[in-house]
Amino acid sequence: MDLKLMVDKRKAYIWDINGPIEAVYYYKKSIAHFTVKGKEYESFHLIWRSNMKFDVGDTIIKKHNSYLIKLIKKNTTDTLSFGNEE
């Protein structure tokens, strides 16, 4: 694994995200960039399922020092959990 990839993965590991998605766009088919509380994140190190889609208004919860994510879909109580502790 190259150094940049290792550094980026570590950055994703320490993110603490909790709030509704304000904006989202995709590139390379399944890699999302999303904004929560005015800060932009990239899903590359968090999401390994190509069918996982984020939408504006979904709530995302990711704790510091974890790769586990909870995604609560907009206007529902449906909660999707994915990732691992690593």
PDB file of N, CA and C in Angstrom:
ATOM      1  N   MET A   1       0.848  -1.175   0.000  1.00  0.00           N
ATOM      2  CA  MET A   1       0.000   0.000   0.000  1.00  0.00           C
ATOM      3  C   MET A   1       0.894   1.239   0.000  1.00  0.00           C
ATOM      4  N   ASP A   2       0.598   2.199  -0.873  1.00  0.00           N
ATOM      5  CA  ASP A   2       1.456   3.377  -0.921  1.00  0.00           C
ATOM      6  C   ASP A   2       1.172   4.310   0.257  1.00  0.00           C
ATOM      7  N   LEU A   3       2.096   5.226   0.501  1.00  0.00           N
ATOM      8  CA  LEU A   3       2.034   6.097   1.670  1.00  0.00           C
ATOM      9  C   LEU A   3       0.798   6.985   1.664  1.00  0.00           C
ATOM     10  N   LYS A   4       0.458   7.580   0.518  1.00  0.00           N
ATOM     11  CA  LYS A   4      -0.719   8.447   0.455  1.00  0.00           C
ATOM     12  C   LYS A   4      -1.983   7.680   0.817  1.00  0.00           C
ATOM     13  N   LEU A   5      -2.121   6.467   0.311  1.00  0.00           N
ATOM     14  CA  LEU A   5      -3.285   5.650   0.615  1.00  0.00           C
ATOM     15  C   LEU A   5      -3.357   5.342   2.114  1.00  0.00           C
ATOM     16  N   MET A   6      -2.217   5.047   2.718  1.00  0.00           N
ATOM     17  CA  MET A   6      -2.190   4.766   4.162  1.00  0.00           C
ATOM     18  C   MET A   6      -2.570   6.012   4.965  1.00  0.00           C
ATOM     19  N   VAL A   7      -2.073   7.170   4.564  1.00  0.00           N
ATOM     20  CA  VAL A   7      -2.388   8.420   5.269  1.00  0.00           C
ATOM     21  C   VAL A   7      -3.867   8.747   5.123  1.00  0.00           C
ATOM     22  N   ASP A   8      -4.409   8.627   3.916  1.00  0.00           N
ATOM     23  CA  ASP A   8      -5.825   8.904   3.686  1.00  0.00           C
ATOM     24  C   ASP A   8      -6.710   7.954   4.482  1.00  0.00           C
ATOM     25  N   LYS A   9      -6.327   6.683   4.561  1.00  0.00           N
ATOM     26  CA  LYS A   9      -7.110   5.712   5.320  1.00  0.00           C
ATOM     27  C   LYS A   9      -7.106   6.071   6.804  1.00  0.00           C
ATOM     28  N   ARG A  10      -5.980   6.505   7.315  1.00  0.00           N
ATOM     29  CA  ARG A  10      -5.883   6.906   8.723  1.00  0.00           C
ATOM     30  C   ARG A  10      -6.756   8.137   8.997  1.00  0.00           C
ATOM     31  N   LYS A  11      -6.774   9.085   8.053  1.00  0.00           N
ATOM     32  CA  LYS A  11      -7.630  10.270   8.210  1.00  0.00           C
ATOM     33  C   LYS A  11      -9.101   9.855   8.310  1.00  0.00           C
ATOM     34  N   ALA A  12      -9.506   8.939   7.453  1.00  0.00           N
ATOM     35  CA  ALA A  12     -10.891   8.470   7.476  1.00  0.00           C
ATOM     36  C   ALA A  12     -11.204   7.764   8.790  1.00  0.00           C
ATOM     37  N   TYR A  13     -10.244   7.056   9.337  1.00  0.00           N
ATOM     38  CA  TYR A  13     -10.432   6.318  10.591  1.00  0.00           C
ATOM     39  C   TYR A  13     -10.722   7.251  11.759  1.00  0.00           C
ATOM     40  N   ILE A  14     -10.123   8.432  11.766  1.00  0.00           N
ATOM     41  CA  ILE A  14     -10.299   9.318  12.913  1.00  0.00           C
ATOM     42  C   ILE A  14     -11.451  10.316  12.746  1.00  0.00           C
ATOM     43  N   TRP A  15     -12.084  10.327  11.562  1.00  0.00           N
ATOM     44  CA  TRP A  15     -13.236  11.220  11.398  1.00  0.00           C
ATOM     45  C   TRP A  15     -14.301  10.928  12.435  1.00  0.00           C
ATOM     46  N   ASP A  16     -14.963  11.967  12.892  1.00  0.00           N
ATOM     47  CA  ASP A  16     -16.119  11.858  13.775  1.00  0.00           C
ATOM     48  C   ASP A  16     -17.251  12.592  13.057  1.00  0.00           C
ATOM     49  N   ILE A  17     -18.170  11.835  12.486  1.00  0.00           N
ATOM     50  CA  ILE A  17     -19.229  12.415  11.650  1.00  0.00           C
ATOM     51  C   ILE A  17     -20.581  12.092  12.283  1.00  0.00           C
ATOM     52  N   ASN A  18     -21.420  13.103  12.420  1.00  0.00           N
ATOM     53  CA  ASN A  18     -22.752  12.875  12.966  1.00  0.00           C
ATOM     54  C   ASN A  18     -23.660  14.007  12.504  1.00  0.00           C
ATOM     55  N   GLY A  19     -24.493  13.723  11.511  1.00  0.00           N
ATOM     56  CA  GLY A  19     -25.420  14.736  11.036  1.00  0.00           C
ATOM     57  C   GLY A  19     -25.989  14.395   9.682  1.00  0.00           C
ATOM     58  N   PRO A  20     -26.900  15.246   9.226  1.00  0.00           N
ATOM     59  CA  PRO A  20     -27.506  15.017   7.911  1.00  0.00           C
ATOM     60  C   PRO A  20     -26.545  15.396   6.788  1.00  0.00           C
ATOM     61  N   ILE A  21     -26.639  14.664   5.688  1.00  0.00           N
ATOM     62  CA  ILE A  21     -25.837  14.948   4.502  1.00  0.00           C
ATOM     63  C   ILE A  21     -26.434  16.165   3.808  1.00  0.00           C
ATOM     64  N   GLU A  22     -25.607  17.183   3.625  1.00  0.00           N
ATOM     65  CA  GLU A  22     -26.061  18.441   3.032  1.00  0.00           C
ATOM     66  C   GLU A  22     -25.891  18.452   1.518  1.00  0.00           C
ATOM     67  N   ALA A  23     -24.873  17.766   1.025  1.00  0.00           N
ATOM     68  CA  ALA A  23     -24.605  17.691  -0.416  1.00  0.00           C
ATOM     69  C   ALA A  23     -23.865  16.394  -0.680  1.00  0.00           C
ATOM     70  N   VAL A  24     -24.050  15.854  -1.875  1.00  0.00           N
ATOM     71  CA  VAL A  24     -23.355  14.622  -2.247  1.00  0.00           C
ATOM     72  C   VAL A  24     -23.147  14.607  -3.757  1.00  0.00           C
ATOM     73  N   TYR A  25     -21.995  14.118  -4.172  1.00  0.00           N
ATOM     74  CA  TYR A  25     -21.776  13.847  -5.593  1.00  0.00           C
ATOM     75  C   TYR A  25     -20.884  12.622  -5.708  1.00  0.00           C
ATOM     76  N   TYR A  26     -21.012  11.948  -6.831  1.00  0.00           N
ATOM     77  CA  TYR A  26     -20.309  10.694  -7.064  1.00  0.00           C
ATOM     78  C   TYR A  26     -19.307  10.843  -8.195  1.00  0.00           C
ATOM     79  N   TYR A  27     -18.219  10.124  -8.089  1.00  0.00           N
ATOM     80  CA  TYR A  27     -17.285   9.976  -9.193  1.00  0.00           C
ATOM     81  C   TYR A  27     -16.794   8.540  -9.182  1.00  0.00           C
ATOM     82  N   LYS A  28     -16.248   8.090 -10.271  1.00  0.00           N
ATOM     83  CA  LYS A  28     -15.821   6.690 -10.419  1.00  0.00           C
ATOM     84  C   LYS A  28     -16.927   5.733  -9.985  1.00  0.00           C
ATOM     85  N   LYS A  29     -18.126   6.018 -10.398  1.00  0.00           N
ATOM     86  CA  LYS A  29     -19.330   5.206 -10.202  1.00  0.00           C
ATOM     87  C   LYS A  29     -19.806   5.100  -8.762  1.00  0.00           C
ATOM     88  N   SER A  30     -18.977   4.665  -7.822  1.00  0.00           N
ATOM     89  CA  SER A  30     -19.502   4.396  -6.487  1.00  0.00           C
ATOM     90  C   SER A  30     -18.788   5.142  -5.365  1.00  0.00           C
ATOM     91  N   ILE A  31     -17.889   6.050  -5.690  1.00  0.00           N
ATOM     92  CA  ILE A  31     -17.178   6.775  -4.642  1.00  0.00           C
ATOM     93  C   ILE A  31     -17.858   8.122  -4.434  1.00  0.00           C
ATOM     94  N   ALA A  32     -18.414   8.295  -3.263  1.00  0.00           N
ATOM     95  CA  ALA A  32     -19.163   9.512  -2.956  1.00  0.00           C
ATOM     96  C   ALA A  32     -18.299  10.527  -2.217  1.00  0.00           C
ATOM     97  N   HIS A  33     -18.530  11.772  -2.541  1.00  0.00           N
ATOM     98  CA  HIS A  33     -18.066  12.888  -1.733  1.00  0.00           C
ATOM     99  C   HIS A  33     -19.334  13.450  -1.109  1.00  0.00           C
ATOM    100  N   PHE A  34     -19.340  13.620   0.199  1.00  0.00           N
ATOM    101  CA  PHE A  34     -20.526  14.161   0.842  1.00  0.00           C
ATOM    102  C   PHE A  34     -20.126  15.218   1.864  1.00  0.00           C
ATOM    103  N   THR A  35     -21.057  16.123   2.139  1.00  0.00           N
ATOM    104  CA  THR A  35     -20.815  17.219   3.066  1.00  0.00           C
ATOM    105  C   THR A  35     -21.746  17.074   4.259  1.00  0.00           C
ATOM    106  N   VAL A  36     -21.164  17.165   5.456  1.00  0.00           N
ATOM    107  CA  VAL A  36     -21.919  17.145   6.711  1.00  0.00           C
ATOM    108  C   VAL A  36     -21.392  18.297   7.561  1.00  0.00           C
ATOM    109  N   LYS A  37     -22.300  19.155   8.009  1.00  0.00           N
ATOM    110  CA  LYS A  37     -21.943  20.325   8.830  1.00  0.00           C
ATOM    111  C   LYS A  37     -20.844  21.152   8.173  1.00  0.00           C
ATOM    112  N   GLY A  38     -20.955  21.312   6.840  1.00  0.00           N
ATOM    113  CA  GLY A  38     -20.044  22.155   6.100  1.00  0.00           C
ATOM    114  C   GLY A  38     -18.681  21.550   5.791  1.00  0.00           C
ATOM    115  N   LYS A  39     -18.441  20.315   6.199  1.00  0.00           N
ATOM    116  CA  LYS A  39     -17.157  19.670   5.945  1.00  0.00           C
ATOM    117  C   LYS A  39     -17.338  18.537   4.939  1.00  0.00           C
ATOM    118  N   GLU A  40     -16.429  18.464   3.959  1.00  0.00           N
ATOM    119  CA  GLU A  40     -16.545  17.443   2.912  1.00  0.00           C
ATOM    120  C   GLU A  40     -15.733  16.199   3.270  1.00  0.00           C
ATOM    121  N   TYR A  41     -16.326  15.033   2.987  1.00  0.00           N
ATOM    122  CA  TYR A  41     -15.702  13.740   3.225  1.00  0.00           C
ATOM    123  C   TYR A  41     -15.757  12.921   1.944  1.00  0.00           C
ATOM    124  N   GLU A  42     -14.856  11.970   1.811  1.00  0.00           N
ATOM    125  CA  GLU A  42     -14.853  11.046   0.684  1.00  0.00           C
ATOM    126  C   GLU A  42     -15.107   9.645   1.229  1.00  0.00           C
ATOM    127  N   SER A  43     -15.943   8.886   0.542  1.00  0.00           N
ATOM    128  CA  SER A  43     -16.349   7.570   1.041  1.00  0.00           C
ATOM    129  C   SER A  43     -15.389   6.439   0.705  1.00  0.00           C
ATOM    130  N   PHE A  44     -14.327   6.708  -0.063  1.00  0.00           N
ATOM    131  CA  PHE A  44     -13.474   5.633  -0.565  1.00  0.00           C
ATOM    132  C   PHE A  44     -12.998   4.673   0.518  1.00  0.00           C
ATOM    133  N   HIS A  45     -12.544   5.164   1.643  1.00  0.00           N
ATOM    134  CA  HIS A  45     -12.025   4.300   2.705  1.00  0.00           C
ATOM    135  C   HIS A  45     -13.108   3.806   3.653  1.00  0.00           C
ATOM    136  N   LEU A  46     -14.325   4.288   3.480  1.00  0.00           N
ATOM    137  CA  LEU A  46     -15.414   3.916   4.383  1.00  0.00           C
ATOM    138  C   LEU A  46     -16.363   2.898   3.782  1.00  0.00           C
ATOM    139  N   ILE A  47     -16.586   2.970   2.495  1.00  0.00           N
ATOM    140  CA  ILE A  47     -17.615   2.163   1.836  1.00  0.00           C
ATOM    141  C   ILE A  47     -16.958   1.220   0.839  1.00  0.00           C
ATOM    142  N   TRP A  48     -17.216  -0.055   0.998  1.00  0.00           N
ATOM    143  CA  TRP A  48     -16.640  -1.029   0.060  1.00  0.00           C
ATOM    144  C   TRP A  48     -17.721  -1.765  -0.709  1.00  0.00           C
ATOM    145  N   ARG A  49     -18.972  -1.317  -0.584  1.00  0.00           N
ATOM    146  CA  ARG A  49     -20.066  -1.927  -1.340  1.00  0.00           C
ATOM    147  C   ARG A  49     -20.503  -0.939  -2.408  1.00  0.00           C
ATOM    148  N   SER A  50     -20.431  -1.340  -3.646  1.00  0.00           N
ATOM    149  CA  SER A  50     -20.738  -0.412  -4.733  1.00  0.00           C
ATOM    150  C   SER A  50     -22.214  -0.031  -4.790  1.00  0.00           C
ATOM    151  N   ASN A  51     -23.072  -0.775  -4.122  1.00  0.00           N
ATOM    152  CA  ASN A  51     -24.493  -0.458  -4.164  1.00  0.00           C
ATOM    153  C   ASN A  51     -24.909   0.504  -3.052  1.00  0.00           C
ATOM    154  N   MET A  52     -24.001   0.947  -2.207  1.00  0.00           N
ATOM    155  CA  MET A  52     -24.331   1.868  -1.131  1.00  0.00           C
ATOM    156  C   MET A  52     -24.441   3.276  -1.701  1.00  0.00           C
ATOM    157  N   LYS A  53     -25.602   3.894  -1.535  1.00  0.00           N
ATOM    158  CA  LYS A  53     -25.826   5.232  -2.056  1.00  0.00           C
ATOM    159  C   LYS A  53     -26.203   6.179  -0.934  1.00  0.00           C
ATOM    160  N   PHE A  54     -25.586   7.343  -0.946  1.00  0.00           N
ATOM    161  CA  PHE A  54     -25.933   8.413  -0.020  1.00  0.00           C
ATOM    162  C   PHE A  54     -26.843   9.397  -0.732  1.00  0.00           C
ATOM    163  N   ASP A  55     -27.778   9.975  -0.005  1.00  0.00           N
ATOM    164  CA  ASP A  55     -28.659  10.987  -0.557  1.00  0.00           C
ATOM    165  C   ASP A  55     -28.677  12.190   0.378  1.00  0.00           C
ATOM    166  N   VAL A  56     -28.906  13.368  -0.193  1.00  0.00           N
ATOM    167  CA  VAL A  56     -29.054  14.569   0.629  1.00  0.00           C
ATOM    168  C   VAL A  56     -30.203  14.326   1.611  1.00  0.00           C
ATOM    169  N   GLY A  57     -29.979  14.643   2.873  1.00  0.00           N
ATOM    170  CA  GLY A  57     -30.996  14.446   3.900  1.00  0.00           C
ATOM    171  C   GLY A  57     -30.808  13.181   4.715  1.00  0.00           C
ATOM    172  N   ASP A  58     -30.050  12.210   4.193  1.00  0.00           N
ATOM    173  CA  ASP A  58     -29.718  11.020   4.987  1.00  0.00           C
ATOM    174  C   ASP A  58     -28.845  11.461   6.155  1.00  0.00           C
ATOM    175  N   THR A  59     -28.965  10.786   7.280  1.00  0.00           N
ATOM    176  CA  THR A  59     -28.113  11.082   8.431  1.00  0.00           C
ATOM    177  C   THR A  59     -27.023  10.021   8.512  1.00  0.00           C
ATOM    178  N   ILE A  60     -25.787  10.474   8.665  1.00  0.00           N
ATOM    179  CA  ILE A  60     -24.655   9.560   8.757  1.00  0.00           C
ATOM    180  C   ILE A  60     -24.002   9.721  10.130  1.00  0.00           C
ATOM    181  N   ILE A  61     -23.673   8.584  10.728  1.00  0.00           N
ATOM    182  CA  ILE A  61     -23.016   8.567  12.036  1.00  0.00           C
ATOM    183  C   ILE A  61     -21.789   7.677  11.925  1.00  0.00           C
ATOM    184  N   LYS A  62     -20.626   8.261  12.214  1.00  0.00           N
ATOM    185  CA  LYS A  62     -19.369   7.517  12.217  1.00  0.00           C
ATOM    186  C   LYS A  62     -18.537   8.022  13.382  1.00  0.00           C
ATOM    187  N   LYS A  63     -18.201   7.129  14.262  1.00  0.00           N
ATOM    188  CA  LYS A  63     -17.449   7.484  15.461  1.00  0.00           C
ATOM    189  C   LYS A  63     -15.953   7.575  15.171  1.00  0.00           C
ATOM    190  N   HIS A  64     -15.291   8.391  15.945  1.00  0.00           N
ATOM    191  CA  HIS A  64     -13.836   8.534  15.912  1.00  0.00           C
ATOM    192  C   HIS A  64     -13.176   7.179  16.174  1.00  0.00           C
ATOM    193  N   ASN A  65     -12.112   6.861  15.461  1.00  0.00           N
ATOM    194  CA  ASN A  65     -11.351   5.605  15.599  1.00  0.00           C
ATOM    195  C   ASN A  65     -12.176   4.355  15.302  1.00  0.00           C
ATOM    196  N   SER A  66     -12.968   4.433  14.271  1.00  0.00           N
ATOM    197  CA  SER A  66     -13.774   3.299  13.836  1.00  0.00           C
ATOM    198  C   SER A  66     -14.081   3.454  12.348  1.00  0.00           C
ATOM    199  N   TYR A  67     -14.325   2.336  11.685  1.00  0.00           N
ATOM    200  CA  TYR A  67     -14.802   2.374  10.304  1.00  0.00           C
ATOM    201  C   TYR A  67     -16.289   2.030  10.242  1.00  0.00           C
ATOM    202  N   LEU A  68     -16.920   1.786  11.387  1.00  0.00           N
ATOM    203  CA  LEU A  68     -18.347   1.473  11.409  1.00  0.00           C
ATOM    204  C   LEU A  68     -19.164   2.730  11.099  1.00  0.00           C
ATOM    205  N   ILE A  69     -20.163   2.550  10.262  1.00  0.00           N
ATOM    206  CA  ILE A  69     -21.022   3.661   9.866  1.00  0.00           C
ATOM    207  C   ILE A  69     -22.477   3.248  10.024  1.00  0.00           C
ATOM    208  N   LYS A  70     -23.272   4.185  10.511  1.00  0.00           N
ATOM    209  CA  LYS A  70     -24.729   4.030  10.497  1.00  0.00           C
ATOM    210  C   LYS A  70     -25.272   5.088   9.557  1.00  0.00           C
ATOM    211  N   LEU A  71     -26.149   4.675   8.672  1.00  0.00           N
ATOM    212  CA  LEU A  71     -26.774   5.582   7.724  1.00  0.00           C
ATOM    213  C   LEU A  71     -28.277   5.461   7.903  1.00  0.00           C
ATOM    214  N   ILE A  72     -28.905   6.564   8.289  1.00  0.00           N
ATOM    215  CA  ILE A  72     -30.356   6.595   8.466  1.00  0.00           C
ATOM    216  C   ILE A  72     -30.927   7.326   7.256  1.00  0.00           C
ATOM    217  N   LYS A  73     -31.694   6.593   6.467  1.00  0.00           N
ATOM    218  CA  LYS A  73     -32.235   7.148   5.230  1.00  0.00           C
ATOM    219  C   LYS A  73     -33.270   8.227   5.532  1.00  0.00           C
ATOM    220  N   LYS A  74     -33.262   9.259   4.711  1.00  0.00           N
ATOM    221  CA  LYS A  74     -34.149  10.411   4.859  1.00  0.00           C
ATOM    222  C   LYS A  74     -35.613   9.991   4.930  1.00  0.00           C
ATOM    223  N   ASN A  75     -36.352  10.595   5.835  1.00  0.00           N
ATOM    224  CA  ASN A  75     -37.794  10.390   6.014  1.00  0.00           C
ATOM    225  C   ASN A  75     -38.167   8.952   6.367  1.00  0.00           C
ATOM    226  N   THR A  76     -37.231   8.210   6.958  1.00  0.00           N
ATOM    227  CA  THR A  76     -37.528   6.842   7.390  1.00  0.00           C
ATOM    228  C   THR A  76     -36.851   6.601   8.731  1.00  0.00           C
ATOM    229  N   THR A  77     -37.082   5.422   9.259  1.00  0.00           N
ATOM    230  CA  THR A  77     -36.330   4.976  10.431  1.00  0.00           C
ATOM    231  C   THR A  77     -35.400   3.837  10.028  1.00  0.00           C
ATOM    232  N   ASP A  78     -35.280   3.617   8.705  1.00  0.00           N
ATOM    233  CA  ASP A  78     -34.397   2.567   8.199  1.00  0.00           C
ATOM    234  C   ASP A  78     -32.944   2.938   8.489  1.00  0.00           C
ATOM    235  N   THR A  79     -32.260   2.086   9.237  1.00  0.00           N
ATOM    236  CA  THR A  79     -30.861   2.316   9.574  1.00  0.00           C
ATOM    237  C   THR A  79     -30.011   1.229   8.947  1.00  0.00           C
ATOM    238  N   LEU A  80     -29.039   1.641   8.153  1.00  0.00           N
ATOM    239  CA  LEU A  80     -28.097   0.716   7.540  1.00  0.00           C
ATOM    240  C   LEU A  80     -26.791   0.824   8.303  1.00  0.00           C
ATOM    241  N   SER A  81     -26.230  -0.301   8.693  1.00  0.00           N
ATOM    242  CA  SER A  81     -24.946  -0.317   9.377  1.00  0.00           C
ATOM    243  C   SER A  81     -23.962  -1.099   8.522  1.00  0.00           C
ATOM    244  N   PHE A  82     -22.754  -0.569   8.392  1.00  0.00           N
ATOM    245  CA  PHE A  82     -21.748  -1.256   7.602  1.00  0.00           C
ATOM    246  C   PHE A  82     -20.368  -0.796   8.021  1.00  0.00           C
ATOM    247  N   GLY A  83     -19.373  -1.551   7.623  1.00  0.00           N
ATOM    248  CA  GLY A  83     -17.993  -1.250   7.957  1.00  0.00           C
ATOM    249  C   GLY A  83     -17.456  -2.254   8.961  1.00  0.00           C
ATOM    250  N   ASN A  84     -16.288  -1.958   9.500  1.00  0.00           N
ATOM    251  CA  ASN A  84     -15.702  -2.827  10.518  1.00  0.00           C
ATOM    252  C   ASN A  84     -14.841  -1.995  11.449  1.00  0.00           C
ATOM    253  N   GLU A  85     -14.502  -2.554  12.575  1.00  0.00           N
ATOM    254  CA  GLU A  85     -13.705  -1.847  13.584  1.00  0.00           C
ATOM    255  C   GLU A  85     -12.256  -1.725  13.177  1.00  0.00           C
ATOM    256  N   GLU A  86     -11.737  -2.714  12.512  1.00  0.00           N
ATOM    257  CA  GLU A  86     -10.340  -2.836  12.087  1.00  0.00           C
ATOM    258  C   GLU A  86      -9.431  -2.510  13.198  1.00  0.00           C
TER     259      GLU A  86
END
